[in-house]
Amino acid sequence: MPFIDHLKSRVKPMQKRIVLPENNSDRALRAAAVVAQEGFARIILVGDPKELEQDAKRLGVSFEGIQIINPAEYEHMDELCKYFAKRREKKGMTVEKAREIMLKDTTFFGAGLVAMGDADGCVSGSMRTSADVIKAGLQVIGVRPGNKTVCSGFIILSNTNLGEGGKLVFGDCGVIIDPTAEQLADIATSCANRARYTLGIKDVKVALLSYSTKGSGTGEGPEKVEAAVQILKERNVDFAFDGELQADAALVPEVGERKAPGSKVAGHANVLVFPSLEAANIGYKLVERFSGATCLGPLVQGLAKPILDLSRGCSYRDIVDVVAVCASDAIFADAMKNHQK
């Protein structure tokens, strides 16, 4: 069974409520109809019901079974605005300003529904920038307890034997331009969770990449990666990791054995943490174009509740797939919350 189909079947019993707030995106509206038809999550659309029904007719789709919430008539708007104003009071936010934002910006409102517990996750970005979506997530939801870094991960699905039968996680390909050693350690942890809870990889092996393997090269880059590895050791994380490793040493068994003998990760990594956004973004696009791999992302990681981003070049089918990932993230968020109690 293809990964996405398996993920849909895994999240379907939980019936997580995922809001698609971009009512100006035909792709998002088509995706909403497909998810409702496939039934692996419950979709919430934001906007005027009459206008959305007209959109459904124009697109030739059905919104049967989809909840539609009009911000102007949202029963918890007063509570939401007070909550948002309190979160941002040091930045000069007032209840009046909060109401103006929530009524005009559907992505902020979608995040607000998640904050109020009326949705389990939000998927936006087909018509908005990544910065817009992350801003809404940070300001309305905030970071997960114990985490300082919001980053992104890409799920890579390839027809190779690399990683976990062709499945890998790349990070950070979309948020932090030049991560510090501490941020690299945070990215490694978030990507390890992505591999474990979204891809279902039990034996997570994280390679922190560089142009050097175990001191074969020198410079600030390898030194930063070495520092990140030391931070992970001090944190006593629950996944295997190693670095600094070159990409071939991380992925190819015979190269890993030769360049990093005795490593539990070298040659068998299923999570790759890149030293910079530049390297990561270039890397995933090369993999996508040269190998024909499917690359799902950028998937925002590190927020207290799931607010996931989309590429503005995404298809409606891409949105359907990310909704499945968002439902999985919501299940993980519930598990983390219960663990902390």
Protein backbone atom coordinates (compact mmCIF):
# COMPACT_ATOMS: atom_id res chain seq x y z
CA MET A 1 0.00 0.00 0.00
CA PRO A 2 1.43 3.44 -0.93
CA PHE A 3 2.50 5.54 2.05
CA ILE A 4 -0.24 8.18 1.74
CA ASP A 5 -2.98 5.54 1.48
CA HIS A 6 -1.55 3.83 4.56
CA LEU A 7 -1.45 7.15 6.43
CA LYS A 8 -5.07 7.90 5.53
CA SER A 9 -6.18 4.50 6.80
CA ARG A 10 -4.18 5.05 10.00
CA VAL A 11 -5.74 8.45 10.81
CA LYS A 12 -9.27 7.69 9.62
CA PRO A 13 -10.53 6.12 12.90
CA MET A 14 -9.65 9.30 14.82
CA GLN A 15 -11.63 11.60 12.48
CA LYS A 16 -9.55 14.70 13.24
CA ARG A 17 -11.08 18.09 12.38
CA ILE A 18 -8.85 19.95 9.92
CA VAL A 19 -9.62 23.50 8.83
CA LEU A 20 -8.81 24.67 5.31
CA PRO A 21 -9.21 28.44 5.76
CA GLU A 22 -8.33 29.67 2.24
CA ASN A 23 -11.78 30.16 0.75
CA ASN A 24 -10.21 32.10 -2.15
CA SER A 25 -8.34 28.99 -3.33
CA ASP A 26 -10.15 26.68 -5.73
CA ARG A 27 -7.48 24.06 -5.04
CA ALA A 28 -8.25 24.14 -1.32
CA LEU A 29 -11.98 23.87 -1.99
CA ARG A 30 -11.48 20.92 -4.35
CA ALA A 31 -9.26 19.28 -1.75
CA ALA A 32 -11.94 19.78 0.91
CA ALA A 33 -14.46 17.93 -1.25
CA VAL A 34 -12.04 15.05 -1.89
CA VAL A 35 -11.20 14.63 1.81
CA ALA A 36 -14.90 14.65 2.70
CA GLN A 37 -15.54 12.00 0.04
CA GLU A 38 -12.62 9.82 1.16
CA GLY A 39 -13.63 10.28 4.80
CA PHE A 40 -10.25 10.11 6.54
CA ALA A 41 -10.72 13.47 8.30
CA ARG A 42 -13.48 16.00 9.00
CA ILE A 43 -13.04 19.23 7.07
CA ILE A 44 -13.92 22.74 8.21
CA LEU A 45 -14.15 25.59 5.69
CA VAL A 46 -14.11 29.27 6.63
CA GLY A 47 -16.47 31.78 5.05
CA ASP A 48 -20.04 32.62 4.17
CA PRO A 49 -22.03 29.39 3.62
CA LYS A 50 -24.02 30.80 0.69
CA GLU A 51 -20.88 31.97 -1.11
CA LEU A 52 -19.16 28.64 -0.53
CA GLU A 53 -22.15 26.73 -1.85
CA GLN A 54 -21.95 28.85 -5.01
CA ASP A 55 -18.26 27.96 -5.25
CA ALA A 56 -19.15 24.27 -4.90
CA LYS A 57 -21.60 24.51 -7.80
CA ARG A 58 -19.06 26.41 -9.93
CA LEU A 59 -16.41 23.78 -9.28
CA GLY A 60 -18.81 20.87 -9.65
CA VAL A 61 -18.05 19.45 -6.20
CA SER A 62 -20.03 18.66 -3.08
CA PHE A 63 -19.45 20.08 0.38
CA GLU A 64 -21.76 17.52 1.97
CA GLY A 65 -20.46 16.56 5.41
CA ILE A 66 -18.19 19.63 5.59
CA GLN A 67 -18.61 22.11 8.44
CA ILE A 68 -18.61 25.76 7.39
CA ILE A 69 -17.81 28.44 9.96
CA ASN A 70 -18.47 32.08 9.20
CA PRO A 71 -16.12 34.27 11.28
CA ALA A 72 -18.82 36.96 11.47
CA GLU A 73 -21.13 34.46 13.18
CA TYR A 74 -18.58 32.40 15.15
CA GLU A 75 -20.06 31.78 18.60
CA HIS A 76 -16.69 31.85 20.39
CA MET A 77 -15.34 34.99 18.71
CA ASP A 78 -15.36 37.05 21.92
CA GLU A 79 -13.42 34.35 23.76
CA LEU A 80 -10.98 33.97 20.85
CA CYS A 81 -10.30 37.71 20.64
CA LYS A 82 -9.68 37.98 24.39
CA TYR A 83 -7.33 34.99 24.21
CA PHE A 84 -5.40 36.44 21.26
CA ALA A 85 -5.22 39.90 22.81
CA LYS A 86 -3.77 38.45 26.00
CA ARG A 87 -1.18 36.41 24.09
CA ARG A 88 -0.02 39.54 22.25
CA GLU A 89 -0.64 42.22 24.86
CA LYS A 90 3.08 43.04 25.15
CA LYS A 91 3.03 43.80 21.42
CA GLY A 92 0.14 46.23 21.84
CA MET A 93 -2.66 43.87 20.83
CA THR A 94 -6.15 44.83 21.98
CA VAL A 95 -9.41 42.93 21.79
CA GLU A 96 -10.56 45.32 19.05
CA LYS A 97 -7.42 44.74 16.97
CA ALA A 98 -7.71 41.01 17.54
CA ARG A 99 -11.29 41.03 16.26
CA GLU A 100 -10.25 42.95 13.15
CA ILE A 101 -7.52 40.40 12.38
CA MET A 102 -9.74 37.38 13.00
CA LEU A 103 -12.52 38.75 10.80
CA LYS A 104 -10.22 39.66 7.90
CA ASP A 105 -7.43 37.04 7.93
CA THR A 106 -8.79 33.54 7.43
CA THR A 107 -5.45 31.86 8.18
CA PHE A 108 -5.29 33.59 11.59
CA PHE A 109 -8.92 32.62 12.14
CA GLY A 110 -8.17 29.01 11.18
CA ALA A 111 -5.35 28.96 13.73
CA GLY A 112 -7.80 30.50 16.20
CA LEU A 113 -10.22 27.62 15.71
CA VAL A 114 -7.39 25.25 16.60
CA ALA A 115 -6.50 27.33 19.66
CA MET A 116 -10.12 27.26 20.85
CA GLY A 117 -10.37 23.49 20.39
CA ASP A 118 -12.94 23.75 17.60
CA ALA A 119 -10.44 22.23 15.13
CA ASP A 120 -7.53 19.85 15.59
CA GLY A 121 -5.28 21.29 12.90
CA CYS A 122 -5.05 23.85 10.10
CA VAL A 123 -3.62 23.61 6.57
CA SER A 124 -2.96 26.84 4.68
CA GLY A 125 -0.49 28.33 2.23
CA SER A 126 -1.76 27.64 -1.29
CA MET A 127 -2.42 31.39 -1.58
CA ARG A 128 -0.25 32.64 1.30
CA THR A 129 3.48 32.69 1.94
CA SER A 130 5.15 30.33 4.38
CA ALA A 131 5.98 33.36 6.52
CA ASP A 132 2.27 34.23 6.74
CA VAL A 133 1.29 30.74 7.86
CA ILE A 134 4.12 30.41 10.39
CA LYS A 135 3.34 33.88 11.75
CA ALA A 136 -0.25 32.83 12.41
CA GLY A 137 0.91 29.62 14.07
CA LEU A 138 3.45 31.35 16.30
CA GLN A 139 1.21 34.23 17.33
CA VAL A 140 -2.01 32.27 17.87
CA ILE A 141 -0.77 28.81 18.92
CA GLY A 142 2.85 29.18 20.06
CA VAL A 143 5.62 26.61 20.31
CA ARG A 144 5.32 23.17 21.87
CA PRO A 145 6.34 23.10 25.56
CA GLY A 146 10.04 22.37 25.91
CA ASN A 147 10.74 23.43 22.34
CA LYS A 148 12.33 26.71 21.23
CA THR A 149 12.57 26.21 17.48
CA VAL A 150 9.90 26.22 14.80
CA CYS A 151 11.26 24.59 11.68
CA SER A 152 10.08 22.52 8.73
CA GLY A 153 10.54 19.02 7.45
CA PHE A 154 10.03 17.36 4.09
CA ILE A 155 8.83 13.80 3.68
CA ILE A 156 10.76 12.22 0.82
CA LEU A 157 9.20 9.20 -0.91
CA SER A 158 11.54 7.64 -3.48
CA ASN A 159 11.80 4.46 -5.52
CA THR A 160 15.12 3.55 -3.92
CA ASN A 161 16.37 1.51 -0.99
CA LEU A 162 17.81 4.56 0.71
CA GLY A 163 16.50 5.54 4.13
CA GLU A 164 13.63 3.36 5.29
CA GLY A 165 12.73 1.58 2.05
CA GLY A 166 12.92 4.85 0.13
CA LYS A 167 11.29 6.95 2.85
CA LEU A 168 13.25 9.79 4.49
CA VAL A 169 12.78 13.09 6.29
CA PHE A 170 14.81 16.19 5.31
CA GLY A 171 15.12 19.28 7.50
CA ASP A 172 15.11 22.24 7.66
CA CYS A 173 14.23 23.04 4.06
CA GLY A 174 11.98 26.05 4.55
CA VAL A 175 12.30 28.16 7.71
CA ILE A 176 15.64 28.78 9.46
CA ILE A 177 18.25 30.26 7.13
CA ASP A 178 21.40 29.68 9.19
CA PRO A 179 20.59 27.53 12.21
CA THR A 180 22.76 27.59 15.31
CA ALA A 181 24.06 24.37 16.84
CA GLU A 182 21.19 24.42 19.34
CA GLN A 183 18.67 24.94 16.54
CA LEU A 184 20.21 22.07 14.56
CA ALA A 185 19.65 19.87 17.61
CA ASP A 186 16.03 21.05 17.81
CA ILE A 187 15.56 20.41 14.07
CA ALA A 188 16.97 16.91 14.52
CA THR A 189 14.47 16.17 17.29
CA SER A 190 11.49 17.54 15.34
CA CYS A 191 12.48 15.59 12.22
CA ALA A 192 12.98 12.42 14.29
CA ASN A 193 9.42 12.84 15.58
CA ARG A 194 8.21 13.39 12.02
CA ALA A 195 9.89 10.14 10.92
CA ARG A 196 8.52 8.21 13.88
CA TYR A 197 4.94 9.46 14.04
CA THR A 198 4.18 10.31 10.42
CA LEU A 199 6.24 7.78 8.49
CA GLY A 200 5.94 5.12 11.19
CA ILE A 201 9.70 4.51 11.32
CA LYS A 202 10.47 2.69 14.58
CA ASP A 203 14.26 2.77 14.38
CA VAL A 204 14.95 6.45 13.67
CA LYS A 205 18.51 7.23 12.58
CA VAL A 206 19.42 10.90 12.22
CA ALA A 207 22.45 12.04 10.25
CA LEU A 208 23.64 15.63 10.76
CA LEU A 209 25.17 16.50 7.42
CA SER A 210 28.24 18.49 6.45
CA TYR A 211 30.91 18.60 3.75
CA SER A 212 33.05 16.70 6.24
CA THR A 213 32.85 13.24 7.79
CA LYS A 214 34.31 12.81 11.26
CA GLY A 215 36.91 15.54 10.93
CA SER A 216 37.89 14.96 7.30
CA GLY A 217 37.32 18.66 6.67
CA THR A 218 37.68 21.75 8.81
CA GLY A 219 35.84 25.05 9.21
CA GLU A 220 32.92 26.67 10.96
CA GLY A 221 30.38 24.40 9.25
CA PRO A 222 31.64 21.07 10.58
CA GLU A 223 32.34 22.62 13.97
CA LYS A 224 28.72 23.77 14.23
CA VAL A 225 27.48 20.29 13.39
CA GLU A 226 29.84 18.74 15.92
CA ALA A 227 28.44 21.11 18.57
CA ALA A 228 24.88 20.09 17.66
CA VAL A 229 25.82 16.43 18.09
CA GLN A 230 27.21 17.19 21.53
CA ILE A 231 23.97 18.99 22.50
CA LEU A 232 21.94 15.93 21.46
CA LYS A 233 24.21 13.75 23.62
CA GLU A 234 23.65 16.04 26.60
CA ARG A 235 19.89 15.94 26.05
CA ASN A 236 19.92 12.12 26.04
CA VAL A 237 17.42 11.96 23.17
CA ASP A 238 15.56 8.75 22.38
CA PHE A 239 16.79 8.24 18.80
CA ALA A 240 20.10 7.32 17.16
CA PHE A 241 22.10 10.20 15.68
CA ASP A 242 25.57 10.90 14.37
CA GLY A 243 27.58 13.61 12.66
CA GLU A 244 29.24 15.24 11.07
CA LEU A 245 28.56 13.04 8.03
CA GLN A 246 28.71 13.64 4.31
CA ALA A 247 25.57 12.66 2.42
CA ASP A 248 27.06 9.52 0.89
CA ALA A 249 28.45 8.41 4.25
CA ALA A 250 24.98 8.90 5.75
CA LEU A 251 23.08 6.96 3.09
CA VAL A 252 25.32 4.34 1.41
CA PRO A 253 26.27 1.37 3.65
CA GLU A 254 29.68 0.64 2.12
CA VAL A 255 30.64 4.34 2.15
CA GLY A 256 29.41 4.78 5.71
CA GLU A 257 31.36 1.76 6.89
CA ARG A 258 34.51 3.07 5.25
CA LYS A 259 34.23 6.71 6.33
CA ALA A 260 32.61 6.26 9.77
CA PRO A 261 33.35 2.72 10.99
CA GLY A 262 31.37 1.72 14.05
CA SER A 263 28.65 4.34 13.53
CA LYS A 264 25.08 3.18 14.20
CA VAL A 265 23.78 5.75 11.72
CA ALA A 266 26.31 6.00 8.88
CA GLY A 267 25.07 4.22 5.75
CA HIS A 268 21.58 3.70 7.20
CA ALA A 269 20.21 7.19 7.98
CA ASN A 270 16.51 7.81 7.44
CA VAL A 271 16.55 11.45 8.64
CA LEU A 272 18.92 14.01 7.12
CA VAL A 273 19.51 17.30 8.94
CA PHE A 274 21.18 19.85 6.68
CA PRO A 275 23.56 22.51 8.04
CA SER A 276 21.70 25.40 6.40
CA LEU A 277 18.46 26.30 4.67
CA GLU A 278 20.38 26.90 1.45
CA ALA A 279 21.81 23.39 1.39
CA ALA A 280 18.52 21.78 2.45
CA ASN A 281 16.33 23.60 -0.06
CA ILE A 282 18.71 22.92 -2.94
CA GLY A 283 19.10 19.33 -1.80
CA TYR A 284 15.42 18.41 -1.74
CA LYS A 285 14.73 20.10 -5.09
CA LEU A 286 17.60 18.17 -6.72
CA VAL A 287 16.28 14.91 -5.27
CA GLU A 288 12.78 15.73 -6.48
CA ARG A 289 13.85 16.63 -10.02
CA PHE A 290 16.59 14.07 -10.63
CA SER A 291 14.99 11.04 -9.00
CA GLY A 292 11.31 11.83 -9.44
CA ALA A 293 10.78 11.44 -5.71
CA THR A 294 7.61 12.75 -4.07
CA CYS A 295 8.49 15.55 -1.64
CA LEU A 296 5.75 16.53 0.82
CA GLY A 297 6.34 19.84 2.53
CA PRO A 298 7.37 22.20 3.90
CA LEU A 299 5.70 20.68 6.97
CA VAL A 300 5.90 23.10 9.88
CA GLN A 301 7.22 21.48 13.06
CA GLY A 302 7.56 22.58 16.67
CA LEU A 303 4.21 24.31 17.29
CA ALA A 304 2.01 23.25 20.20
CA LYS A 305 -0.73 22.25 17.74
CA PRO A 306 -0.47 21.52 14.00
CA ILE A 307 -0.57 24.47 11.62
CA LEU A 308 0.82 23.14 8.34
CA ASP A 309 2.08 25.10 5.36
CA LEU A 310 1.63 24.42 1.65
CA SER A 311 3.69 25.28 -1.37
CA ARG A 312 1.94 27.96 -3.41
CA GLY A 313 2.57 25.73 -6.43
CA CYS A 314 0.72 22.81 -4.86
CA SER A 315 -2.06 20.88 -6.57
CA TYR A 316 -5.35 20.08 -4.88
CA ARG A 317 -4.09 16.50 -4.51
CA ASP A 318 -1.04 17.80 -2.63
CA ILE A 319 -3.40 19.56 -0.22
CA VAL A 320 -5.34 16.32 0.33
CA ASP A 321 -2.07 14.57 1.22
CA VAL A 322 -1.02 17.33 3.64
CA VAL A 323 -4.42 17.13 5.34
CA ALA A 324 -3.61 13.48 6.07
CA VAL A 325 -0.24 14.52 7.52
CA CYS A 326 -1.96 17.24 9.59
CA ALA A 327 -4.38 14.68 11.01
CA SER A 328 -1.41 12.52 11.97
CA ASP A 329 0.26 15.55 13.60
CA ALA A 330 -2.92 16.20 15.58
CA ILE A 331 -2.85 12.64 16.91
CA PHE A 332 0.81 13.13 17.89
CA ALA A 333 -0.04 16.44 19.61
CA ASP A 334 -2.71 14.66 21.66
CA ALA A 335 -0.23 11.96 22.64
CA MET A 336 2.34 14.57 23.72
CA LYS A 337 -0.27 16.43 25.76
CA ASN A 338 -1.37 13.24 27.53
CA HIS A 339 2.27 12.32 28.20
CA GLN A 340 2.87 15.67 29.90
CA LYS A 341 -0.08 15.27 32.27
